[in-house]
Amino acid sequence: MFHWHAGSRWPTYQEPRIEKGTEGRKKSSRAAVAGRRESQDSGRGEATMSTLKFCRECNNMLYPREDKETRTLLYACQTCEHEEIATDTCVYKRVIRKPGGEPKDVLKDAATDPSLPRTRSVRCYNCNHPEAAFFQAPTKGEQAMTLYFICCNPSCGHRWRD
């Protein structure tokens, strides 16, 4: 790795440091620079890892590229033309987790929204008001939609689901 020192006009090359990890195996500072993280998922105990790959020749970042002749995934350096065959075909993974329960974007003043449909066939459990606005939204872990009600009484604003 190249480092700039104060007062110097030219960078100096420094080998990556090797640090002793908690599991007894060696970890390089290059992995720390890459943002490598190993964490345990609280629910399942699966390890999730995100890594960047670096060139063995010049320590620059490797970028995914397809070899069109052999139709294989490669990691290529844009500086020195070094290439490595990818061991894992996954280039990017994004996991989206939604919190369960009631939708977060429902506000108390949503009952005054004129675009929401209203009903007089359902009474509020909190104040017994005869009118409620309603909408449908998905619930975590279920394929079906859930019907949500909001009391139209401005002083109440109670929310419940059917």
C-alpha atoms as a PDB file:
ATOM      1  CA  MET A   1       0.000   0.000   0.000  1.00  0.00           C
ATOM      2  CA  PHE A   2       1.165   3.500  -0.723  1.00  0.00           C
ATOM      3  CA  HIS A   3       1.199   6.078   2.068  1.00  0.00           C
ATOM      4  CA  TRP A   4       1.809   9.815   1.923  1.00  0.00           C
ATOM      5  CA  HIS A   5       3.925  11.268   4.702  1.00  0.00           C
ATOM      6  CA  ALA A   6       3.827  14.920   5.773  1.00  0.00           C
ATOM      7  CA  GLY A   7       6.470  16.962   3.978  1.00  0.00           C
ATOM      8  CA  SER A   8       7.172  14.219   1.423  1.00  0.00           C
ATOM      9  CA  ARG A   9       6.606  14.716  -2.298  1.00  0.00           C
ATOM     10  CA  TRP A  10       6.418  10.992  -3.106  1.00  0.00           C
ATOM     11  CA  PRO A  11       4.396   8.164  -1.569  1.00  0.00           C
ATOM     12  CA  THR A  12       6.176   5.210   0.043  1.00  0.00           C
ATOM     13  CA  TYR A  13       5.144   1.591  -0.358  1.00  0.00           C
ATOM     14  CA  GLN A  14       4.347  -0.341   2.802  1.00  0.00           C
ATOM     15  CA  GLU A  15       3.447  -4.041   3.001  1.00  0.00           C
ATOM     16  CA  PRO A  16       0.045  -4.874   4.534  1.00  0.00           C
ATOM     17  CA  ARG A  17       0.290  -5.586   8.263  1.00  0.00           C
ATOM     18  CA  ILE A  18      -0.611  -9.031   9.567  1.00  0.00           C
ATOM     19  CA  GLU A  19      -2.659  -9.020  12.784  1.00  0.00           C
ATOM     20  CA  LYS A  20      -3.590 -11.948  14.980  1.00  0.00           C
ATOM     21  CA  GLY A  21      -7.377 -12.505  14.956  1.00  0.00           C
ATOM     22  CA  THR A  22      -9.562 -13.697  17.821  1.00  0.00           C
ATOM     23  CA  GLU A  23      -9.963 -17.160  16.294  1.00  0.00           C
ATOM     24  CA  GLY A  24      -6.199 -17.741  16.165  1.00  0.00           C
ATOM     25  CA  ARG A  25      -5.936 -17.208  12.413  1.00  0.00           C
ATOM     26  CA  LYS A  26      -4.120 -14.341  10.772  1.00  0.00           C
ATOM     27  CA  LYS A  27      -6.006 -11.368   9.370  1.00  0.00           C
ATOM     28  CA  SER A  28      -4.419  -8.790   7.100  1.00  0.00           C
ATOM     29  CA  SER A  29      -5.045  -5.076   7.340  1.00  0.00           C
ATOM     30  CA  ARG A  30      -5.993  -5.223   3.667  1.00  0.00           C
ATOM     31  CA  ALA A  31      -9.198  -7.062   4.659  1.00  0.00           C
ATOM     32  CA  ALA A  32      -9.893  -4.348   7.229  1.00  0.00           C
ATOM     33  CA  VAL A  33      -9.431  -1.669   4.588  1.00  0.00           C
ATOM     34  CA  ALA A  34     -11.788  -3.579   2.300  1.00  0.00           C
ATOM     35  CA  GLY A  35     -14.574  -3.303   4.816  1.00  0.00           C
ATOM     36  CA  ARG A  36     -14.684  -7.015   5.458  1.00  0.00           C
ATOM     37  CA  ARG A  37     -17.205  -7.818   8.134  1.00  0.00           C
ATOM     38  CA  GLU A  38     -18.147 -11.114   9.664  1.00  0.00           C
ATOM     39  CA  SER A  39     -21.242 -11.001  11.842  1.00  0.00           C
ATOM     40  CA  GLN A  40     -23.645 -13.494  13.315  1.00  0.00           C
ATOM     41  CA  ASP A  41     -27.325 -13.140  12.420  1.00  0.00           C
ATOM     42  CA  SER A  42     -29.245 -13.238  15.700  1.00  0.00           C
ATOM     43  CA  GLY A  43     -32.073 -15.386  14.374  1.00  0.00           C
ATOM     44  CA  ARG A  44     -30.404 -18.088  12.320  1.00  0.00           C
ATOM     45  CA  GLY A  45     -26.716 -18.005  13.245  1.00  0.00           C
ATOM     46  CA  GLU A  46     -25.670 -17.514   9.600  1.00  0.00           C
ATOM     47  CA  ALA A  47     -22.459 -15.616   8.931  1.00  0.00           C
ATOM     48  CA  THR A  48     -22.802 -12.748   6.482  1.00  0.00           C
ATOM     49  CA  MET A  49     -19.729 -11.412   4.769  1.00  0.00           C
ATOM     50  CA  SER A  50     -19.079  -8.528   2.415  1.00  0.00           C
ATOM     51  CA  THR A  51     -15.662  -8.271   0.803  1.00  0.00           C
ATOM     52  CA  LEU A  52     -13.798  -6.324  -1.808  1.00  0.00           C
ATOM     53  CA  LYS A  53     -11.114  -8.092  -3.815  1.00  0.00           C
ATOM     54  CA  PHE A  54      -7.669  -6.579  -4.346  1.00  0.00           C
ATOM     55  CA  CYS A  55      -4.994  -7.163  -6.969  1.00  0.00           C
ATOM     56  CA  ARG A  56      -2.041  -9.317  -5.883  1.00  0.00           C
ATOM     57  CA  GLU A  57       0.294  -7.328  -8.124  1.00  0.00           C
ATOM     58  CA  CYS A  58      -0.488  -3.671  -7.347  1.00  0.00           C
ATOM     59  CA  ASN A  59      -3.029  -3.762  -4.451  1.00  0.00           C
ATOM     60  CA  ASN A  60      -5.685  -1.895  -6.438  1.00  0.00           C
ATOM     61  CA  MET A  61      -9.308  -2.990  -6.344  1.00  0.00           C
ATOM     62  CA  LEU A  62     -10.471  -5.771  -8.676  1.00  0.00           C
ATOM     63  CA  TYR A  63     -13.686  -5.267 -10.629  1.00  0.00           C
ATOM     64  CA  PRO A  64     -16.030  -8.020 -11.871  1.00  0.00           C
ATOM     65  CA  ARG A  65     -15.870  -8.689 -15.616  1.00  0.00           C
ATOM     66  CA  GLU A  66     -17.153 -11.408 -17.934  1.00  0.00           C
ATOM     67  CA  ASP A  67     -14.855 -13.305 -20.265  1.00  0.00           C
ATOM     68  CA  LYS A  68     -17.107 -13.421 -23.325  1.00  0.00           C
ATOM     69  CA  GLU A  69     -15.279 -16.318 -25.008  1.00  0.00           C
ATOM     70  CA  THR A  70     -15.460 -18.758 -22.097  1.00  0.00           C
ATOM     71  CA  ARG A  71     -18.519 -17.127 -20.458  1.00  0.00           C
ATOM     72  CA  THR A  72     -16.868 -17.072 -17.017  1.00  0.00           C
ATOM     73  CA  LEU A  73     -16.809 -14.411 -14.335  1.00  0.00           C
ATOM     74  CA  LEU A  74     -13.441 -12.776 -13.723  1.00  0.00           C
ATOM     75  CA  TYR A  75     -12.106 -10.143 -11.367  1.00  0.00           C
ATOM     76  CA  ALA A  76      -9.833  -7.765 -13.296  1.00  0.00           C
ATOM     77  CA  CYS A  77      -7.485  -4.994 -12.226  1.00  0.00           C
ATOM     78  CA  GLN A  78      -7.918  -1.797 -14.224  1.00  0.00           C
ATOM     79  CA  THR A  79      -4.342  -0.717 -13.541  1.00  0.00           C
ATOM     80  CA  CYS A  80      -2.079  -3.685 -14.304  1.00  0.00           C
ATOM     81  CA  GLU A  81      -4.400  -6.028 -16.286  1.00  0.00           C
ATOM     82  CA  HIS A  82      -4.153  -8.787 -13.621  1.00  0.00           C
ATOM     83  CA  GLU A  83      -7.156 -11.180 -13.738  1.00  0.00           C
ATOM     84  CA  GLU A  84      -8.488 -13.856 -11.378  1.00  0.00           C
ATOM     85  CA  ILE A  85     -11.246 -16.381 -12.005  1.00  0.00           C
ATOM     86  CA  ALA A  86     -14.116 -15.790  -9.586  1.00  0.00           C
ATOM     87  CA  THR A  87     -14.766 -18.632  -7.137  1.00  0.00           C
ATOM     88  CA  ASP A  88     -18.219 -17.316  -6.285  1.00  0.00           C
ATOM     89  CA  THR A  89     -20.593 -16.135  -8.997  1.00  0.00           C
ATOM     90  CA  CYS A  90     -22.444 -13.760  -6.672  1.00  0.00           C
ATOM     91  CA  VAL A  91     -21.207 -10.211  -7.321  1.00  0.00           C
ATOM     92  CA  TYR A  92     -23.707  -8.277  -5.198  1.00  0.00           C
ATOM     93  CA  LYS A  93     -26.318  -9.335  -2.647  1.00  0.00           C
ATOM     94  CA  ARG A  94     -28.855  -7.090  -0.954  1.00  0.00           C
ATOM     95  CA  VAL A  95     -31.068  -8.396   1.849  1.00  0.00           C
ATOM     96  CA  ILE A  96     -34.146  -6.344   2.658  1.00  0.00           C
ATOM     97  CA  ARG A  97     -35.828  -6.899   5.988  1.00  0.00           C
ATOM     98  CA  LYS A  98     -39.089  -5.197   6.797  1.00  0.00           C
ATOM     99  CA  PRO A  99     -40.275  -4.732  10.372  1.00  0.00           C
ATOM    100  CA  GLY A 100     -43.479  -6.544  11.230  1.00  0.00           C
ATOM    101  CA  GLY A 101     -46.745  -5.183  12.443  1.00  0.00           C
ATOM    102  CA  GLU A 102     -48.398  -1.925  11.485  1.00  0.00           C
ATOM    103  CA  PRO A 103     -46.997   0.125   8.579  1.00  0.00           C
ATOM    104  CA  LYS A 104     -44.642   2.865   9.801  1.00  0.00           C
ATOM    105  CA  ASP A 105     -45.839   5.457   7.312  1.00  0.00           C
ATOM    106  CA  VAL A 106     -49.366   5.676   8.772  1.00  0.00           C
ATOM    107  CA  LEU A 107     -49.799   8.946  10.651  1.00  0.00           C
ATOM    108  CA  LYS A 108     -52.488  10.005  13.090  1.00  0.00           C
ATOM    109  CA  ASP A 109     -53.691  12.722  10.728  1.00  0.00           C
ATOM    110  CA  ALA A 110     -54.205  10.170   7.924  1.00  0.00           C
ATOM    111  CA  ALA A 111     -57.908  10.147   8.877  1.00  0.00           C
ATOM    112  CA  THR A 112     -58.191  13.672   7.431  1.00  0.00           C
ATOM    113  CA  ASP A 113     -56.763  12.515   4.079  1.00  0.00           C
ATOM    114  CA  PRO A 114     -59.592  12.889   1.537  1.00  0.00           C
ATOM    115  CA  SER A 115     -58.079  10.258  -0.775  1.00  0.00           C
ATOM    116  CA  LEU A 116     -58.610   7.430   1.753  1.00  0.00           C
ATOM    117  CA  PRO A 117     -61.954   5.612   1.563  1.00  0.00           C
ATOM    118  CA  ARG A 118     -64.259   5.890   4.592  1.00  0.00           C
ATOM    119  CA  THR A 119     -66.899   3.652   6.119  1.00  0.00           C
ATOM    120  CA  ARG A 120     -69.723   4.102   8.615  1.00  0.00           C
ATOM    121  CA  SER A 121     -70.238   0.372   9.145  1.00  0.00           C
ATOM    122  CA  VAL A 122     -67.320   0.101  11.616  1.00  0.00           C
ATOM    123  CA  ARG A 123     -67.165   1.937  14.950  1.00  0.00           C
ATOM    124  CA  CYS A 124     -63.986   2.949  16.750  1.00  0.00           C
ATOM    125  CA  TYR A 125     -63.143   0.675  19.689  1.00  0.00           C
ATOM    126  CA  ASN A 126     -61.615   3.577  21.582  1.00  0.00           C
ATOM    127  CA  CYS A 127     -64.221   6.396  21.326  1.00  0.00           C
ATOM    128  CA  ASN A 128     -67.191   4.682  19.580  1.00  0.00           C
ATOM    129  CA  HIS A 129     -67.050   7.214  16.683  1.00  0.00           C
ATOM    130  CA  PRO A 130     -69.226   5.994  13.775  1.00  0.00           C
ATOM    131  CA  GLU A 131     -66.770   6.771  10.927  1.00  0.00           C
ATOM    132  CA  ALA A 132     -63.360   5.277  10.072  1.00  0.00           C
ATOM    133  CA  ALA A 133     -60.947   5.587   7.149  1.00  0.00           C
ATOM    134  CA  PHE A 134     -59.401   2.363   5.868  1.00  0.00           C
ATOM    135  CA  PHE A 135     -56.636   1.025   3.589  1.00  0.00           C
ATOM    136  CA  GLN A 136     -54.861  -2.244   2.818  1.00  0.00           C
ATOM    137  CA  ALA A 137     -51.160  -2.977   3.292  1.00  0.00           C
ATOM    138  CA  PRO A 138     -49.012  -6.158   3.334  1.00  0.00           C
ATOM    139  CA  THR A 139     -48.055  -7.731   6.665  1.00  0.00           C
ATOM    140  CA  LYS A 140     -44.641  -9.272   7.347  1.00  0.00           C
ATOM    141  CA  GLY A 141     -44.495 -12.993   6.762  1.00  0.00           C
ATOM    142  CA  GLU A 142     -47.884 -13.149   5.077  1.00  0.00           C
ATOM    143  CA  GLN A 143     -48.797 -13.102   1.409  1.00  0.00           C
ATOM    144  CA  ALA A 144     -52.244 -11.619   2.054  1.00  0.00           C
ATOM    145  CA  MET A 145     -53.046  -7.964   2.584  1.00  0.00           C
ATOM    146  CA  THR A 146     -54.235  -6.658   5.965  1.00  0.00           C
ATOM    147  CA  LEU A 147     -57.085  -4.165   6.319  1.00  0.00           C
ATOM    148  CA  TYR A 148     -56.200  -1.190   8.558  1.00  0.00           C
ATOM    149  CA  PHE A 149     -58.718   1.276  10.060  1.00  0.00           C
ATOM    150  CA  ILE A 150     -58.154   4.804  11.411  1.00  0.00           C
ATOM    151  CA  CYS A 151     -60.751   6.594  13.534  1.00  0.00           C
ATOM    152  CA  CYS A 152     -61.976   9.798  11.843  1.00  0.00           C
ATOM    153  CA  ASN A 153     -62.555  11.548  15.194  1.00  0.00           C
ATOM    154  CA  PRO A 154     -59.795  14.242  15.235  1.00  0.00           C
ATOM    155  CA  SER A 155     -59.362  13.983  18.997  1.00  0.00           C
ATOM    156  CA  CYS A 156     -58.979  10.149  18.895  1.00  0.00           C
ATOM    157  CA  GLY A 157     -57.019   8.965  15.829  1.00  0.00           C
ATOM    158  CA  HIS A 158     -57.061   5.344  17.086  1.00  0.00           C
ATOM    159  CA  ARG A 159     -55.679   2.764  14.612  1.00  0.00           C
ATOM    160  CA  TRP A 160     -56.566  -0.931  14.425  1.00  0.00           C
ATOM    161  CA  ARG A 161     -56.529  -3.753  11.939  1.00  0.00           C
ATOM    162  CA  ASP A 162     -59.196  -6.226  10.915  1.00  0.00           C
END
